[in-house]
Amino acid sequence: MGVIWLSLGIAGFILFFFGIGLGYQYRWWFRGKYIYLRKMFRGEAVAKDRESKACEVVIQLPNQGQPFRTRTENLSPNGMFIRMDPPLMKGDNFRFLLNLSIDESVAGTAEVRWNQTKASARLSPGMGCKFFQMNEKEKLRIRKHLRS
């Protein structure tokens, strides 16, 4: 009887450390799923909300008089990625006019949350921005545009 309990104890010990090893090996997969679910339940943008639709955007910086035009690469109801070389610094705010179609546009304020200064295989130089001071009606127009 003691041998059986000892065998079960050793087997449990081996399975425990095998499980820890697998958990460590797939930790980034588990972390990604956790972040996805956390954002989804908080109502933030997740991968399924983003589309790679390019739209023209006119940016008005607070310290410059002349607005300039550029394009978005990635758009969601909560934010966008704007191609810009060099990008603005993290934390900068700016006003924008997003041209969704010929006769439809959305205006608002955005804050730079992150920036990509060098071109890579996946991203061109630019910045990830979060929308502020946008009402639900304008966010709904962006959602409709993304579905079309």
C-alpha atoms as a PDB file:
ATOM      1  CA  MET A   1       0.000   0.000   0.000  1.00  0.00           C
ATOM      2  CA  GLY A   2       2.845   2.399   0.804  1.00  0.00           C
ATOM      3  CA  VAL A   3       4.441   1.752  -2.592  1.00  0.00           C
ATOM      4  CA  ILE A   4       1.233   2.784  -4.378  1.00  0.00           C
ATOM      5  CA  TRP A   5       1.039   6.060  -2.469  1.00  0.00           C
ATOM      6  CA  LEU A   6       4.695   6.730  -3.139  1.00  0.00           C
ATOM      7  CA  SER A   7       4.193   6.051  -6.874  1.00  0.00           C
ATOM      8  CA  LEU A   8       1.167   8.353  -6.976  1.00  0.00           C
ATOM      9  CA  GLY A   9       3.111  11.042  -5.132  1.00  0.00           C
ATOM     10  CA  ILE A  10       6.021  10.847  -7.567  1.00  0.00           C
ATOM     11  CA  ALA A  11       3.654  10.837 -10.555  1.00  0.00           C
ATOM     12  CA  GLY A  12       1.824  13.868  -9.169  1.00  0.00           C
ATOM     13  CA  PHE A  13       5.132  15.631  -8.571  1.00  0.00           C
ATOM     14  CA  ILE A  14       6.229  14.968 -12.180  1.00  0.00           C
ATOM     15  CA  LEU A  15       2.876  16.088 -13.621  1.00  0.00           C
ATOM     16  CA  PHE A  16       2.959  19.242 -11.496  1.00  0.00           C
ATOM     17  CA  PHE A  17       6.352  20.309 -12.825  1.00  0.00           C
ATOM     18  CA  PHE A  18       5.418  19.251 -16.368  1.00  0.00           C
ATOM     19  CA  GLY A  19       2.368  21.556 -16.120  1.00  0.00           C
ATOM     20  CA  ILE A  20       4.528  24.413 -14.855  1.00  0.00           C
ATOM     21  CA  GLY A  21       6.909  23.851 -17.768  1.00  0.00           C
ATOM     22  CA  LEU A  22       4.075  23.981 -20.293  1.00  0.00           C
ATOM     23  CA  GLY A  23       2.617  27.037 -18.641  1.00  0.00           C
ATOM     24  CA  TYR A  24       5.977  28.766 -18.823  1.00  0.00           C
ATOM     25  CA  GLN A  25       6.462  27.739 -22.447  1.00  0.00           C
ATOM     26  CA  TYR A  26       3.053  29.129 -23.476  1.00  0.00           C
ATOM     27  CA  ARG A  27       3.033  32.110 -21.099  1.00  0.00           C
ATOM     28  CA  TRP A  28       2.789  34.692 -23.940  1.00  0.00           C
ATOM     29  CA  TRP A  29      -0.213  32.897 -25.436  1.00  0.00           C
ATOM     30  CA  PHE A  30      -1.949  32.867 -22.020  1.00  0.00           C
ATOM     31  CA  ARG A  31      -1.020  36.523 -21.469  1.00  0.00           C
ATOM     32  CA  GLY A  32      -2.468  37.503 -24.864  1.00  0.00           C
ATOM     33  CA  LYS A  33      -5.745  35.721 -24.144  1.00  0.00           C
ATOM     34  CA  TYR A  34      -5.941  37.359 -20.702  1.00  0.00           C
ATOM     35  CA  ILE A  35      -5.369  40.852 -22.148  1.00  0.00           C
ATOM     36  CA  TYR A  36      -7.900  40.242 -24.926  1.00  0.00           C
ATOM     37  CA  LEU A  37     -10.604  39.167 -22.459  1.00  0.00           C
ATOM     38  CA  ARG A  38      -9.812  42.005 -20.052  1.00  0.00           C
ATOM     39  CA  LYS A  39     -10.114  44.609 -22.824  1.00  0.00           C
ATOM     40  CA  MET A  40     -13.258  43.007 -24.213  1.00  0.00           C
ATOM     41  CA  PHE A  41     -15.044  43.126 -20.834  1.00  0.00           C
ATOM     42  CA  ARG A  42     -13.934  46.734 -20.232  1.00  0.00           C
ATOM     43  CA  GLY A  43     -15.324  47.776 -23.611  1.00  0.00           C
ATOM     44  CA  GLU A  44     -11.946  48.776 -25.056  1.00  0.00           C
ATOM     45  CA  ALA A  45     -10.912  48.075 -28.637  1.00  0.00           C
ATOM     46  CA  VAL A  46      -9.731  44.551 -29.328  1.00  0.00           C
ATOM     47  CA  ALA A  47      -8.295  43.027 -32.496  1.00  0.00           C
ATOM     48  CA  LYS A  48     -11.705  42.211 -33.965  1.00  0.00           C
ATOM     49  CA  ASP A  49     -12.708  45.921 -33.739  1.00  0.00           C
ATOM     50  CA  ARG A  50      -9.750  47.205 -35.733  1.00  0.00           C
ATOM     51  CA  GLU A  51      -9.717  47.371 -39.490  1.00  0.00           C
ATOM     52  CA  SER A  52      -6.900  48.210 -41.838  1.00  0.00           C
ATOM     53  CA  LYS A  53      -8.999  50.707 -43.748  1.00  0.00           C
ATOM     54  CA  ALA A  54      -7.090  53.727 -44.912  1.00  0.00           C
ATOM     55  CA  CYS A  55      -8.822  57.075 -44.464  1.00  0.00           C
ATOM     56  CA  GLU A  56      -7.588  60.567 -45.006  1.00  0.00           C
ATOM     57  CA  VAL A  57      -7.079  62.537 -41.809  1.00  0.00           C
ATOM     58  CA  VAL A  58      -6.372  66.261 -41.383  1.00  0.00           C
ATOM     59  CA  ILE A  59      -4.370  67.035 -38.248  1.00  0.00           C
ATOM     60  CA  GLN A  60      -4.299  70.433 -36.549  1.00  0.00           C
ATOM     61  CA  LEU A  61      -1.500  70.724 -33.996  1.00  0.00           C
ATOM     62  CA  PRO A  62      -1.963  73.260 -31.187  1.00  0.00           C
ATOM     63  CA  ASN A  63       1.361  75.032 -31.755  1.00  0.00           C
ATOM     64  CA  GLN A  64       1.251  75.121 -35.580  1.00  0.00           C
ATOM     65  CA  GLY A  65      -1.073  77.216 -37.705  1.00  0.00           C
ATOM     66  CA  GLN A  66      -1.175  75.125 -40.869  1.00  0.00           C
ATOM     67  CA  PRO A  67      -3.014  71.782 -40.728  1.00  0.00           C
ATOM     68  CA  PHE A  68      -1.569  68.890 -42.700  1.00  0.00           C
ATOM     69  CA  ARG A  69      -3.015  65.798 -44.342  1.00  0.00           C
ATOM     70  CA  THR A  70      -1.959  62.205 -43.854  1.00  0.00           C
ATOM     71  CA  ARG A  71      -3.557  58.744 -43.859  1.00  0.00           C
ATOM     72  CA  THR A  72      -4.610  56.243 -41.236  1.00  0.00           C
ATOM     73  CA  GLU A  73      -3.477  52.638 -41.477  1.00  0.00           C
ATOM     74  CA  ASN A  74      -5.525  51.134 -38.688  1.00  0.00           C
ATOM     75  CA  LEU A  75      -8.860  52.455 -37.455  1.00  0.00           C
ATOM     76  CA  SER A  76     -11.185  51.496 -34.599  1.00  0.00           C
ATOM     77  CA  PRO A  77     -14.057  53.297 -32.834  1.00  0.00           C
ATOM     78  CA  ASN A  78     -11.672  54.184 -29.981  1.00  0.00           C
ATOM     79  CA  GLY A  79      -8.510  55.181 -31.853  1.00  0.00           C
ATOM     80  CA  MET A  80      -6.335  55.037 -34.943  1.00  0.00           C
ATOM     81  CA  PHE A  81      -2.788  54.568 -36.215  1.00  0.00           C
ATOM     82  CA  ILE A  82      -1.579  57.512 -38.287  1.00  0.00           C
ATOM     83  CA  ARG A  83       1.344  57.373 -40.689  1.00  0.00           C
ATOM     84  CA  MET A  84       3.621  60.278 -39.870  1.00  0.00           C
ATOM     85  CA  ASP A  85       7.371  60.739 -40.095  1.00  0.00           C
ATOM     86  CA  PRO A  86       8.466  61.921 -37.553  1.00  0.00           C
ATOM     87  CA  PRO A  87       5.545  61.070 -35.244  1.00  0.00           C
ATOM     88  CA  LEU A  88       4.411  63.238 -32.372  1.00  0.00           C
ATOM     89  CA  MET A  89       5.632  62.461 -28.879  1.00  0.00           C
ATOM     90  CA  LYS A  90       3.700  60.238 -26.498  1.00  0.00           C
ATOM     91  CA  GLY A  91       1.132  62.291 -24.561  1.00  0.00           C
ATOM     92  CA  ASP A  92       0.668  65.022 -27.215  1.00  0.00           C
ATOM     93  CA  ASN A  93      -2.910  66.063 -27.998  1.00  0.00           C
ATOM     94  CA  PHE A  94      -4.194  67.280 -31.349  1.00  0.00           C
ATOM     95  CA  ARG A  95      -7.447  68.010 -33.177  1.00  0.00           C
ATOM     96  CA  PHE A  96      -8.305  65.992 -36.248  1.00  0.00           C
ATOM     97  CA  LEU A  97     -10.822  65.672 -39.036  1.00  0.00           C
ATOM     98  CA  LEU A  98     -11.225  62.086 -40.239  1.00  0.00           C
ATOM     99  CA  ASN A  99     -12.678  61.814 -43.764  1.00  0.00           C
ATOM    100  CA  LEU A 100     -14.564  58.506 -43.804  1.00  0.00           C
ATOM    101  CA  SER A 101     -16.001  59.014 -47.282  1.00  0.00           C
ATOM    102  CA  ILE A 102     -16.580  61.837 -49.753  1.00  0.00           C
ATOM    103  CA  ASP A 103     -19.537  63.248 -47.852  1.00  0.00           C
ATOM    104  CA  GLU A 104     -18.899  61.978 -44.319  1.00  0.00           C
ATOM    105  CA  SER A 105     -16.294  63.096 -41.797  1.00  0.00           C
ATOM    106  CA  VAL A 106     -15.725  62.923 -38.058  1.00  0.00           C
ATOM    107  CA  ALA A 107     -13.978  65.584 -35.973  1.00  0.00           C
ATOM    108  CA  GLY A 108     -12.473  65.177 -32.543  1.00  0.00           C
ATOM    109  CA  THR A 109      -9.448  65.315 -30.294  1.00  0.00           C
ATOM    110  CA  ALA A 110      -6.887  62.548 -29.931  1.00  0.00           C
ATOM    111  CA  GLU A 111      -3.925  61.779 -27.693  1.00  0.00           C
ATOM    112  CA  VAL A 112      -0.786  59.970 -28.827  1.00  0.00           C
ATOM    113  CA  ARG A 113      -0.492  56.758 -26.790  1.00  0.00           C
ATOM    114  CA  TRP A 114       2.559  55.264 -28.515  1.00  0.00           C
ATOM    115  CA  ASN A 115       4.776  56.023 -31.474  1.00  0.00           C
ATOM    116  CA  GLN A 116       6.866  54.084 -33.984  1.00  0.00           C
ATOM    117  CA  THR A 117       9.876  56.157 -35.019  1.00  0.00           C
ATOM    118  CA  LYS A 118      11.560  53.632 -37.327  1.00  0.00           C
ATOM    119  CA  ALA A 119      10.011  51.675 -40.177  1.00  0.00           C
ATOM    120  CA  SER A 120       9.694  47.936 -39.638  1.00  0.00           C
ATOM    121  CA  ALA A 121       8.311  45.056 -41.689  1.00  0.00           C
ATOM    122  CA  ARG A 122       4.894  45.410 -40.023  1.00  0.00           C
ATOM    123  CA  LEU A 123       4.578  49.136 -39.337  1.00  0.00           C
ATOM    124  CA  SER A 124       5.574  52.343 -41.029  1.00  0.00           C
ATOM    125  CA  PRO A 125       6.655  55.331 -38.906  1.00  0.00           C
ATOM    126  CA  GLY A 126       3.660  56.801 -37.137  1.00  0.00           C
ATOM    127  CA  MET A 127       1.684  56.932 -33.936  1.00  0.00           C
ATOM    128  CA  GLY A 128      -1.149  55.145 -32.183  1.00  0.00           C
ATOM    129  CA  CYS A 129      -3.793  57.569 -30.961  1.00  0.00           C
ATOM    130  CA  LYS A 130      -6.820  57.330 -28.667  1.00  0.00           C
ATOM    131  CA  PHE A 131      -9.915  59.431 -29.323  1.00  0.00           C
ATOM    132  CA  PHE A 132     -11.169  61.950 -26.752  1.00  0.00           C
ATOM    133  CA  GLN A 133     -14.170  64.267 -26.763  1.00  0.00           C
ATOM    134  CA  MET A 134     -16.117  62.146 -29.228  1.00  0.00           C
ATOM    135  CA  ASN A 135     -19.749  61.371 -28.610  1.00  0.00           C
ATOM    136  CA  GLU A 136     -21.359  57.994 -29.232  1.00  0.00           C
ATOM    137  CA  LYS A 137     -22.951  59.234 -32.458  1.00  0.00           C
ATOM    138  CA  GLU A 138     -19.543  59.834 -34.036  1.00  0.00           C
ATOM    139  CA  LYS A 139     -18.206  56.492 -32.775  1.00  0.00           C
ATOM    140  CA  LEU A 140     -21.251  54.811 -34.293  1.00  0.00           C
ATOM    141  CA  ARG A 141     -20.464  56.457 -37.649  1.00  0.00           C
ATOM    142  CA  ILE A 142     -16.947  55.028 -37.488  1.00  0.00           C
ATOM    143  CA  ARG A 143     -18.342  51.562 -36.661  1.00  0.00           C
ATOM    144  CA  LYS A 144     -20.706  51.776 -39.650  1.00  0.00           C
ATOM    145  CA  HIS A 145     -17.824  52.801 -41.883  1.00  0.00           C
ATOM    146  CA  LEU A 146     -15.718  49.869 -40.674  1.00  0.00           C
ATOM    147  CA  ARG A 147     -18.545  47.402 -41.378  1.00  0.00           C
ATOM    148  CA  SER A 148     -19.096  48.698 -44.918  1.00  0.00           C
END
